[in-house]
Amino acid sequence: MEETQLKARLGVFDLTCLGLNCIIGTGLFFAPGEIAARLGPYAPWLFLVGGGLCLAIGLCFAEMAGMVAGSGGAYLYARAVFGPVVGYLVGWVMWLSCLLGGATVATGFSETVARLVNPEQPSPVVRLAAAMAIVLLLAAVNFFGVRSGALSNNLLAVCKLVPLFILLAWSLGGLNLIQGMALAAPSPVQWVAGFLGILFCFSGFEEIPVPGGEVKNPQRTIPAAYLWTLLFSTGLYFWLQLIVGAAGAVGSKTPLVDAAALAGLAGLVGIGALLSQASVNASIAFTTPRSLWALAATGWAPRWLAHLHPVFATPVRAIGVSTALMLIVISQSTLSTLVDLSVLASLTQYLVTILGVLVWRYQKPELERPYRLPAAPLTAGLALAAVLFLLANVDPSYLKGWFAALGLGLVLCLFSPRGRML
């Protein structure tokens, strides 16, 4: 019989590094300047509020992960609570978003590399080569086992944080952090835009439970990873926002590099930004094929994609297909960032997971819950309010990509083993 069962080899540290790589990406190095310009002295404190709301959403994922075991994250939860078709659509949007987002992030990484090679005239050949190289390298790393894939995530997570820790240490004596509190207060319009920016800075944590079938003791590991990931990232964003305000980098497009320049650390932080882009690539390379594998293992994608390597127990065919498609997208000169689809994919996962917690608390109170969401009605209510706030303020143009993705998914559904049975 063909092997289709993933091996449980991931622990709390592995999942926490995966979460940090998803959250702490390129935006960390560029968003704080604009957020400080919009929110003034309140920016650091509103990062604490935003982090708390995202933690409430994350703990909803943790409760569902305890009741619905396996790889796939929100796809599994949506399928269990709302049925196979809704689950499939969530899983399809997840995989497609990761695929296109991975191509976009790889292209951003290659742009940075090309500018390092030739700042005056970045070479298109270098861009393309660097983008394809990072995708192929990480695919190869993930091919040789879940531990090697996790190790690449862990190593990049640690390496990109080192320059930030050095900057934080310097700021304790090199800056008057209270000075940032003297910034001008924002207007009502800036409040909304600034807080939206904060919430979007935390997006990506929904990827933590995607490799759930490869996690040791997932009922304990996944909640712990959510807690550590969101507490750490919230604290880091808070402190860095203080630094941006104190260093006068408000409104800057490269606020951390500008702040680091005061201490002669601009080059080091610039390297951190490059490593950060690579780490996002690593997290996407790890989760994208597992999203496709989850669809195949449950019959919503061709069954042959659920095959695992007999020695490394990795979803080799899902890795190969996802990598090949990502390379095709990268090679197109008209590549769109498709941020709209990524945003809607995240919000879709948040919404179905929170509603899943509430529905099952009402319909199935007798179910064993290895992890119980604390103060469930209040916590889930706050999480739901945060998601609805985001949805209400999403650019209407974003919906075009989302509906197009759902329509394509429904068409492809008809050719899947499960879809033909409908």
Protein backbone atom coordinates (compact mmCIF):
# COMPACT_ATOMS: atom_id res chain seq x y z
CA MET A 1 0.00 0.00 0.00
CA GLU A 2 1.33 3.44 -0.90
CA GLU A 3 2.56 5.48 2.06
CA THR A 4 0.43 8.58 2.58
CA GLN A 5 0.94 9.25 6.31
CA LEU A 6 3.19 12.13 7.34
CA LYS A 7 5.64 11.61 10.20
CA ALA A 8 5.35 13.65 13.42
CA ARG A 9 8.75 15.29 13.88
CA LEU A 10 8.07 18.98 14.61
CA GLY A 11 8.16 20.58 18.06
CA VAL A 12 7.25 23.91 19.64
CA PHE A 13 10.48 25.63 18.55
CA ASP A 14 10.00 24.51 14.93
CA LEU A 15 6.42 25.78 14.75
CA THR A 16 7.32 29.02 16.53
CA CYS A 17 10.09 29.70 14.00
CA LEU A 18 7.63 28.93 11.20
CA GLY A 19 5.17 31.43 12.68
CA LEU A 20 7.85 34.09 13.15
CA ASN A 21 9.03 33.66 9.57
CA CYS A 22 5.45 34.10 8.34
CA ILE A 23 4.79 37.22 10.46
CA ILE A 24 8.19 38.89 10.65
CA GLY A 25 8.88 39.39 6.97
CA THR A 26 9.75 42.23 4.67
CA GLY A 27 6.98 44.40 6.13
CA LEU A 28 8.76 44.60 9.48
CA PHE A 29 11.59 46.55 7.86
CA PHE A 30 9.38 48.92 5.84
CA ALA A 31 5.94 49.31 7.47
CA PRO A 32 6.86 50.96 10.83
CA GLY A 33 7.72 54.30 9.21
CA GLU A 34 4.32 54.66 7.55
CA ILE A 35 2.49 53.38 10.63
CA ALA A 36 4.32 55.92 12.82
CA ALA A 37 3.32 58.70 10.39
CA ARG A 38 -0.34 57.68 10.67
CA LEU A 39 -0.61 56.85 14.37
CA GLY A 40 2.01 59.12 15.91
CA PRO A 41 2.74 58.45 19.59
CA TYR A 42 0.05 55.77 19.81
CA ALA A 43 1.66 53.42 17.26
CA PRO A 44 3.64 51.27 19.76
CA TRP A 45 0.65 50.88 22.09
CA LEU A 46 -1.72 50.01 19.27
CA PHE A 47 0.69 47.25 18.26
CA LEU A 48 -0.02 45.76 21.69
CA VAL A 49 -3.76 45.99 21.01
CA GLY A 50 -3.37 44.51 17.52
CA GLY A 51 -1.19 41.71 18.84
CA GLY A 52 -3.79 40.92 21.50
CA LEU A 53 -6.57 40.70 18.91
CA CYS A 54 -4.46 38.47 16.68
CA LEU A 55 -3.65 36.28 19.67
CA ALA A 56 -7.40 35.85 20.21
CA ILE A 57 -7.71 34.71 16.58
CA GLY A 58 -4.68 32.45 16.94
CA LEU A 59 -6.09 30.75 20.02
CA CYS A 60 -9.26 29.96 18.04
CA PHE A 61 -6.97 28.09 15.64
CA ALA A 62 -5.42 26.35 18.65
CA GLU A 63 -8.79 25.08 19.93
CA MET A 64 -9.73 23.75 16.49
CA ALA A 65 -6.30 22.13 16.08
CA GLY A 66 -6.90 20.17 19.27
CA MET A 67 -10.19 18.74 17.96
CA VAL A 68 -9.33 18.27 14.26
CA ALA A 69 -5.97 16.56 13.86
CA GLY A 70 -3.91 16.48 10.68
CA SER A 71 -2.22 18.74 8.13
CA GLY A 72 -4.14 21.50 6.39
CA GLY A 73 -4.97 24.08 9.06
CA ALA A 74 -8.11 26.09 8.31
CA TYR A 75 -8.94 23.75 5.42
CA LEU A 76 -9.47 20.87 7.84
CA TYR A 77 -11.46 23.00 10.29
CA ALA A 78 -13.76 24.40 7.59
CA ARG A 79 -14.35 20.90 6.20
CA ALA A 80 -15.13 19.43 9.62
CA VAL A 81 -17.57 22.18 10.65
CA PHE A 82 -19.12 23.42 7.40
CA GLY A 83 -18.79 20.45 5.06
CA PRO A 84 -16.44 19.25 2.32
CA VAL A 85 -17.25 21.84 -0.35
CA VAL A 86 -16.64 24.85 1.92
CA GLY A 87 -13.52 23.13 3.21
CA TYR A 88 -12.26 22.52 -0.30
CA LEU A 89 -12.76 26.16 -1.31
CA VAL A 90 -10.85 27.34 1.76
CA GLY A 91 -8.04 24.87 1.03
CA TRP A 92 -7.91 25.83 -2.63
CA VAL A 93 -7.61 29.55 -1.87
CA MET A 94 -4.95 28.77 0.76
CA TRP A 95 -2.80 26.81 -1.68
CA LEU A 96 -3.24 29.23 -4.58
CA SER A 97 -2.46 32.21 -2.36
CA CYS A 98 0.71 30.52 -1.05
CA LEU A 99 1.76 29.59 -4.58
CA LEU A 100 1.39 33.08 -6.01
CA GLY A 101 2.61 34.74 -2.81
CA GLY A 102 5.71 32.54 -2.88
CA ALA A 103 6.48 33.63 -6.43
CA THR A 104 6.00 37.27 -5.43
CA VAL A 105 8.25 37.01 -2.35
CA ALA A 106 10.93 35.22 -4.37
CA THR A 107 10.81 38.03 -6.92
CA GLY A 108 11.20 40.60 -4.13
CA PHE A 109 14.18 38.67 -2.79
CA SER A 110 15.74 38.59 -6.26
CA GLU A 111 15.24 42.35 -6.65
CA THR A 112 17.25 42.92 -3.46
CA VAL A 113 20.00 40.58 -4.67
CA ALA A 114 20.14 42.29 -8.08
CA ARG A 115 20.49 45.70 -6.43
CA LEU A 116 23.31 44.42 -4.22
CA VAL A 117 25.14 43.14 -7.31
CA ASN A 118 24.59 46.35 -9.30
CA PRO A 119 22.85 49.22 -7.45
CA GLU A 120 22.84 51.48 -10.50
CA GLN A 121 21.32 49.08 -13.01
CA PRO A 122 19.94 45.82 -11.55
CA SER A 123 20.18 43.03 -14.13
CA PRO A 124 16.95 41.26 -15.20
CA VAL A 125 19.00 38.09 -15.67
CA VAL A 126 20.29 38.27 -12.08
CA ARG A 127 16.73 38.92 -10.87
CA LEU A 128 15.34 35.85 -12.62
CA ALA A 129 18.27 33.63 -11.65
CA ALA A 130 18.11 34.64 -7.97
CA ALA A 131 14.34 34.12 -7.77
CA MET A 132 14.52 30.68 -9.34
CA ALA A 133 17.56 29.72 -7.28
CA ILE A 134 15.91 30.46 -3.93
CA VAL A 135 12.76 28.53 -4.92
CA LEU A 136 14.75 25.50 -6.17
CA LEU A 137 17.11 25.53 -3.19
CA LEU A 138 14.28 25.54 -0.64
CA ALA A 139 12.37 22.89 -2.59
CA ALA A 140 15.46 20.66 -2.44
CA VAL A 141 15.83 21.27 1.29
CA ASN A 142 12.19 20.32 1.88
CA PHE A 143 12.52 17.23 -0.33
CA PHE A 144 15.04 15.68 2.07
CA GLY A 145 12.69 15.55 5.03
CA VAL A 146 10.57 17.60 7.36
CA ARG A 147 13.54 18.08 9.70
CA SER A 148 15.70 19.65 6.98
CA GLY A 149 12.81 21.90 5.92
CA ALA A 150 12.23 22.92 9.53
CA LEU A 151 15.95 23.46 10.07
CA SER A 152 16.10 25.94 7.19
CA ASN A 153 13.16 27.80 8.72
CA ASN A 154 14.72 27.78 12.18
CA LEU A 155 18.14 28.91 10.95
CA LEU A 156 16.77 31.81 8.90
CA ALA A 157 14.47 32.87 11.76
CA VAL A 158 17.39 33.08 14.18
CA CYS A 159 19.76 34.76 11.69
CA LYS A 160 17.33 37.51 10.71
CA LEU A 161 16.60 38.31 14.37
CA VAL A 162 20.25 38.78 15.35
CA PRO A 163 20.61 42.23 13.65
CA LEU A 164 17.32 43.31 15.22
CA PHE A 165 18.47 42.26 18.69
CA ILE A 166 21.70 44.24 18.20
CA LEU A 167 19.62 47.28 17.19
CA LEU A 168 17.38 46.81 20.23
CA ALA A 169 20.39 46.58 22.55
CA TRP A 170 21.91 49.77 21.08
CA SER A 171 18.61 51.63 21.45
CA LEU A 172 18.65 51.17 25.23
CA GLY A 173 21.58 53.55 25.54
CA GLY A 174 21.75 55.23 22.16
CA LEU A 175 18.23 56.66 21.91
CA ASN A 176 15.74 58.53 24.04
CA LEU A 177 12.84 56.16 23.43
CA ILE A 178 10.39 58.50 25.19
CA GLN A 179 11.08 61.11 22.52
CA GLY A 180 8.89 59.22 20.07
CA MET A 181 5.89 59.92 22.30
CA ALA A 182 6.03 63.59 21.27
CA LEU A 183 4.84 62.87 17.74
CA ALA A 184 1.71 64.57 16.45
CA ALA A 185 -1.62 62.89 17.15
CA PRO A 186 -3.29 61.28 14.10
CA SER A 187 -6.49 62.36 12.38
CA PRO A 188 -9.54 60.03 12.44
CA VAL A 189 -8.81 58.84 8.89
CA GLN A 190 -5.24 58.00 9.82
CA TRP A 191 -6.43 56.03 12.87
CA VAL A 192 -8.29 53.52 10.71
CA ALA A 193 -5.59 53.19 8.05
CA GLY A 194 -2.84 52.92 10.66
CA PHE A 195 -4.59 50.26 12.71
CA LEU A 196 -5.37 48.26 9.57
CA GLY A 197 -1.66 48.37 8.78
CA ILE A 198 -0.88 47.01 12.24
CA LEU A 199 -3.31 44.10 11.91
CA PHE A 200 -1.95 43.22 8.48
CA CYS A 201 1.58 43.23 9.93
CA PHE A 202 0.60 40.16 11.96
CA SER A 203 -0.90 38.22 9.04
CA GLY A 204 0.69 34.85 8.34
CA PHE A 205 0.18 33.17 11.72
CA GLU A 206 -2.62 31.08 10.18
CA GLU A 207 0.12 28.96 8.57
CA ILE A 208 1.27 27.54 11.94
CA PRO A 209 -1.14 24.54 12.00
CA VAL A 210 -0.81 23.70 8.27
CA PRO A 211 1.84 20.98 8.93
CA GLY A 212 -0.23 19.67 11.87
CA GLY A 213 0.16 16.05 10.76
CA GLU A 214 3.93 16.35 11.24
CA VAL A 215 3.73 17.86 14.74
CA LYS A 216 4.56 15.96 17.89
CA ASN A 217 1.73 16.19 20.46
CA PRO A 218 -0.17 18.80 18.38
CA GLN A 219 -2.79 19.44 21.08
CA ARG A 220 -0.07 21.03 23.22
CA THR A 221 2.47 22.08 20.61
CA ILE A 222 0.21 24.19 18.37
CA PRO A 223 -1.30 26.33 21.19
CA ALA A 224 2.19 26.86 22.65
CA ALA A 225 3.55 27.88 19.24
CA TYR A 226 0.74 30.40 18.79
CA LEU A 227 1.35 31.88 22.21
CA TRP A 228 5.12 32.23 21.79
CA THR A 229 4.89 33.47 18.20
CA LEU A 230 2.37 36.23 18.83
CA LEU A 231 3.78 37.34 22.19
CA PHE A 232 7.29 37.57 20.75
CA SER A 233 6.27 39.32 17.52
CA THR A 234 4.05 41.77 19.44
CA GLY A 235 6.88 42.69 21.80
CA LEU A 236 9.32 43.06 18.91
CA TYR A 237 6.97 45.30 16.89
CA PHE A 238 6.32 47.43 20.01
CA TRP A 239 10.01 48.02 20.68
CA LEU A 240 10.93 48.66 17.06
CA GLN A 241 8.09 51.16 16.75
CA LEU A 242 9.54 53.04 19.73
CA ILE A 243 12.92 53.09 17.97
CA VAL A 244 11.44 54.44 14.72
CA GLY A 245 9.74 57.31 16.55
CA ALA A 246 12.81 58.15 18.64
CA ALA A 247 15.17 58.00 15.64
CA GLY A 248 13.08 60.41 13.57
CA ALA A 249 12.38 57.79 10.88
CA VAL A 250 8.66 58.61 10.77
CA GLY A 251 7.33 58.25 7.23
CA SER A 252 10.55 56.69 5.96
CA LYS A 253 10.31 53.83 3.46
CA THR A 254 13.31 52.17 5.15
CA PRO A 255 12.78 53.18 8.79
CA LEU A 256 14.85 50.49 10.51
CA VAL A 257 17.82 50.98 8.21
CA ASP A 258 17.59 54.75 8.79
CA ALA A 259 17.43 54.24 12.56
CA ALA A 260 20.31 51.76 12.45
CA ALA A 261 22.42 54.26 10.49
CA LEU A 262 22.62 56.39 13.64
CA ALA A 263 24.59 53.57 15.25
CA GLY A 264 26.54 52.57 12.14
CA LEU A 265 24.44 49.43 11.83
CA ALA A 266 22.68 50.17 8.54
CA GLY A 267 24.56 47.45 6.64
CA LEU A 268 23.84 44.85 9.32
CA VAL A 269 20.12 45.65 9.41
CA GLY A 270 20.09 45.65 5.59
CA ILE A 271 21.42 42.09 5.68
CA GLY A 272 18.67 41.31 8.18
CA ALA A 273 16.10 42.57 5.68
CA LEU A 274 17.54 40.27 3.00
CA LEU A 275 17.50 37.31 5.39
CA SER A 276 13.94 38.22 6.32
CA GLN A 277 12.87 37.95 2.69
CA ALA A 278 14.63 34.59 2.45
CA SER A 279 12.91 33.39 5.63
CA VAL A 280 9.47 34.20 4.22
CA ASN A 281 10.44 32.17 1.16
CA ALA A 282 11.42 29.31 3.46
CA SER A 283 8.11 29.34 5.34
CA ILE A 284 6.13 29.43 2.07
CA ALA A 285 8.25 26.62 0.58
CA PHE A 286 7.44 24.55 3.68
CA THR A 287 3.68 25.15 3.86
CA THR A 288 2.63 25.44 0.19
CA PRO A 289 3.12 21.78 -0.81
CA ARG A 290 1.55 20.64 2.45
CA SER A 291 -1.59 22.63 1.64
CA LEU A 292 -1.74 20.83 -1.73
CA TRP A 293 -0.99 17.48 -0.09
CA ALA A 294 -3.90 17.97 2.33
CA LEU A 295 -6.28 18.52 -0.59
CA ALA A 296 -4.98 15.41 -2.36
CA ALA A 297 -5.04 13.23 0.75
CA THR A 298 -8.74 14.02 1.24
CA GLY A 299 -9.68 13.49 -2.40
CA TRP A 300 -10.03 17.11 -3.53
CA ALA A 301 -6.94 17.05 -5.72
CA PRO A 302 -5.50 14.17 -7.78
CA ARG A 303 -4.67 11.29 -5.44
CA TRP A 304 -1.16 10.82 -6.81
CA LEU A 305 -0.23 14.16 -5.24
CA ALA A 306 -0.69 12.56 -1.79
CA HIS A 307 2.29 10.24 -2.38
CA LEU A 308 5.10 10.51 0.18
CA HIS A 309 8.75 9.70 -0.40
CA PRO A 310 9.45 6.18 0.95
CA VAL A 311 12.62 7.28 2.76
CA PHE A 312 12.11 10.96 3.69
CA ALA A 313 8.30 10.81 4.20
CA THR A 314 7.89 14.16 2.45
CA PRO A 315 5.11 15.09 -0.03
CA VAL A 316 7.54 14.97 -2.94
CA ARG A 317 4.98 15.21 -5.74
CA ALA A 318 3.19 18.13 -4.10
CA ILE A 319 6.60 19.78 -3.62
CA GLY A 320 7.47 19.20 -7.28
CA VAL A 321 4.16 20.49 -8.67
CA SER A 322 4.10 23.55 -6.39
CA THR A 323 7.72 24.37 -7.22
CA ALA A 324 7.22 23.97 -10.97
CA LEU A 325 4.14 26.20 -10.97
CA MET A 326 5.94 28.80 -8.84
CA LEU A 327 8.83 28.87 -11.32
CA ILE A 328 6.39 29.36 -14.20
CA VAL A 329 4.77 32.31 -12.44
CA ILE A 330 8.19 33.82 -11.66
CA SER A 331 9.24 33.56 -15.29
CA GLN A 332 6.35 35.74 -16.43
CA SER A 333 7.36 39.37 -16.88
CA THR A 334 3.83 40.51 -16.01
CA LEU A 335 3.93 38.97 -12.51
CA SER A 336 1.46 40.68 -10.17
CA THR A 337 2.04 40.78 -6.45
CA LEU A 338 -1.53 39.57 -5.89
CA VAL A 339 -1.55 41.05 -2.40
CA ASP A 340 -5.32 41.24 -2.72
CA LEU A 341 -5.70 37.46 -2.89
CA SER A 342 -3.25 36.93 -0.03
CA VAL A 343 -5.21 39.31 2.20
CA LEU A 344 -8.54 37.67 1.41
CA ALA A 345 -7.06 34.19 1.84
CA SER A 346 -5.91 35.10 5.36
CA LEU A 347 -9.23 36.68 6.29
CA THR A 348 -11.11 33.66 4.90
CA GLN A 349 -9.10 31.34 7.13
CA TYR A 350 -9.63 33.56 10.17
CA LEU A 351 -13.37 33.79 9.61
CA VAL A 352 -14.12 30.07 9.12
CA THR A 353 -11.94 29.09 12.09
CA ILE A 354 -13.52 31.57 14.52
CA LEU A 355 -17.02 30.65 13.35
CA GLY A 356 -16.05 26.99 13.65
CA VAL A 357 -15.18 27.48 17.32
CA LEU A 358 -18.48 29.26 18.01
CA VAL A 359 -20.60 26.76 16.04
CA TRP A 360 -19.10 23.71 17.72
CA ARG A 361 -19.29 25.31 21.17
CA TYR A 362 -23.05 25.57 20.53
CA GLN A 363 -23.66 22.38 18.54
CA LYS A 364 -21.15 20.00 20.14
CA PRO A 365 -20.40 21.13 23.69
CA GLU A 366 -19.64 17.51 24.65
CA LEU A 367 -16.60 17.25 22.35
CA GLU A 368 -13.27 16.76 24.08
CA ARG A 369 -11.19 19.91 23.73
CA PRO A 370 -7.53 19.29 24.62
CA TYR A 371 -7.06 23.05 24.42
CA ARG A 372 -9.99 25.24 25.44
CA LEU A 373 -10.17 28.85 24.33
CA PRO A 374 -10.21 30.92 27.55
CA ALA A 375 -13.41 32.96 28.09
CA ALA A 376 -14.57 31.54 24.77
CA PRO A 377 -17.58 33.77 23.98
CA LEU A 378 -15.66 36.98 24.78
CA THR A 379 -12.35 35.94 23.19
CA ALA A 380 -13.96 34.56 20.03
CA GLY A 381 -16.22 37.62 19.89
CA LEU A 382 -13.22 39.96 19.98
CA ALA A 383 -11.50 37.86 17.32
CA LEU A 384 -14.60 37.97 15.13
CA ALA A 385 -14.92 41.74 15.59
CA ALA A 386 -11.31 42.21 14.46
CA VAL A 387 -11.87 40.12 11.32
CA LEU A 388 -15.12 41.91 10.46
CA PHE A 389 -13.34 45.25 10.92
CA LEU A 390 -10.68 44.11 8.45
CA LEU A 391 -13.27 42.84 5.97
CA ALA A 392 -15.24 46.07 6.17
CA ASN A 393 -12.14 48.06 5.27
CA VAL A 394 -10.71 45.81 2.56
CA ASP A 395 -10.34 47.54 -0.79
CA PRO A 396 -13.29 46.40 -2.96
CA SER A 397 -10.86 45.64 -5.78
CA TYR A 398 -9.41 42.86 -3.61
CA LEU A 399 -12.67 40.96 -3.99
CA LYS A 400 -12.12 40.52 -7.73
CA GLY A 401 -9.14 38.25 -7.26
CA TRP A 402 -10.90 36.38 -4.47
CA PHE A 403 -14.03 35.63 -6.51
CA ALA A 404 -11.91 34.73 -9.54
CA ALA A 405 -9.95 32.25 -7.40
CA LEU A 406 -13.16 30.73 -6.01
CA GLY A 407 -14.63 30.40 -9.52
CA LEU A 408 -11.51 28.68 -10.83
CA GLY A 409 -11.52 26.41 -7.79
CA LEU A 410 -15.12 25.35 -8.41
CA VAL A 411 -14.32 24.46 -12.02
CA LEU A 412 -11.27 22.40 -11.02
CA CYS A 413 -13.29 20.78 -8.24
CA LEU A 414 -15.36 18.95 -10.87
CA PHE A 415 -12.25 17.07 -12.03
CA SER A 416 -11.18 15.92 -8.54
CA PRO A 417 -12.02 12.43 -7.20
CA ARG A 418 -14.39 13.86 -4.58
CA GLY A 419 -15.83 16.49 -6.90
CA ARG A 420 -16.94 13.88 -9.43
CA MET A 421 -19.00 12.26 -6.69
CA LEU A 422 -21.05 15.40 -6.03
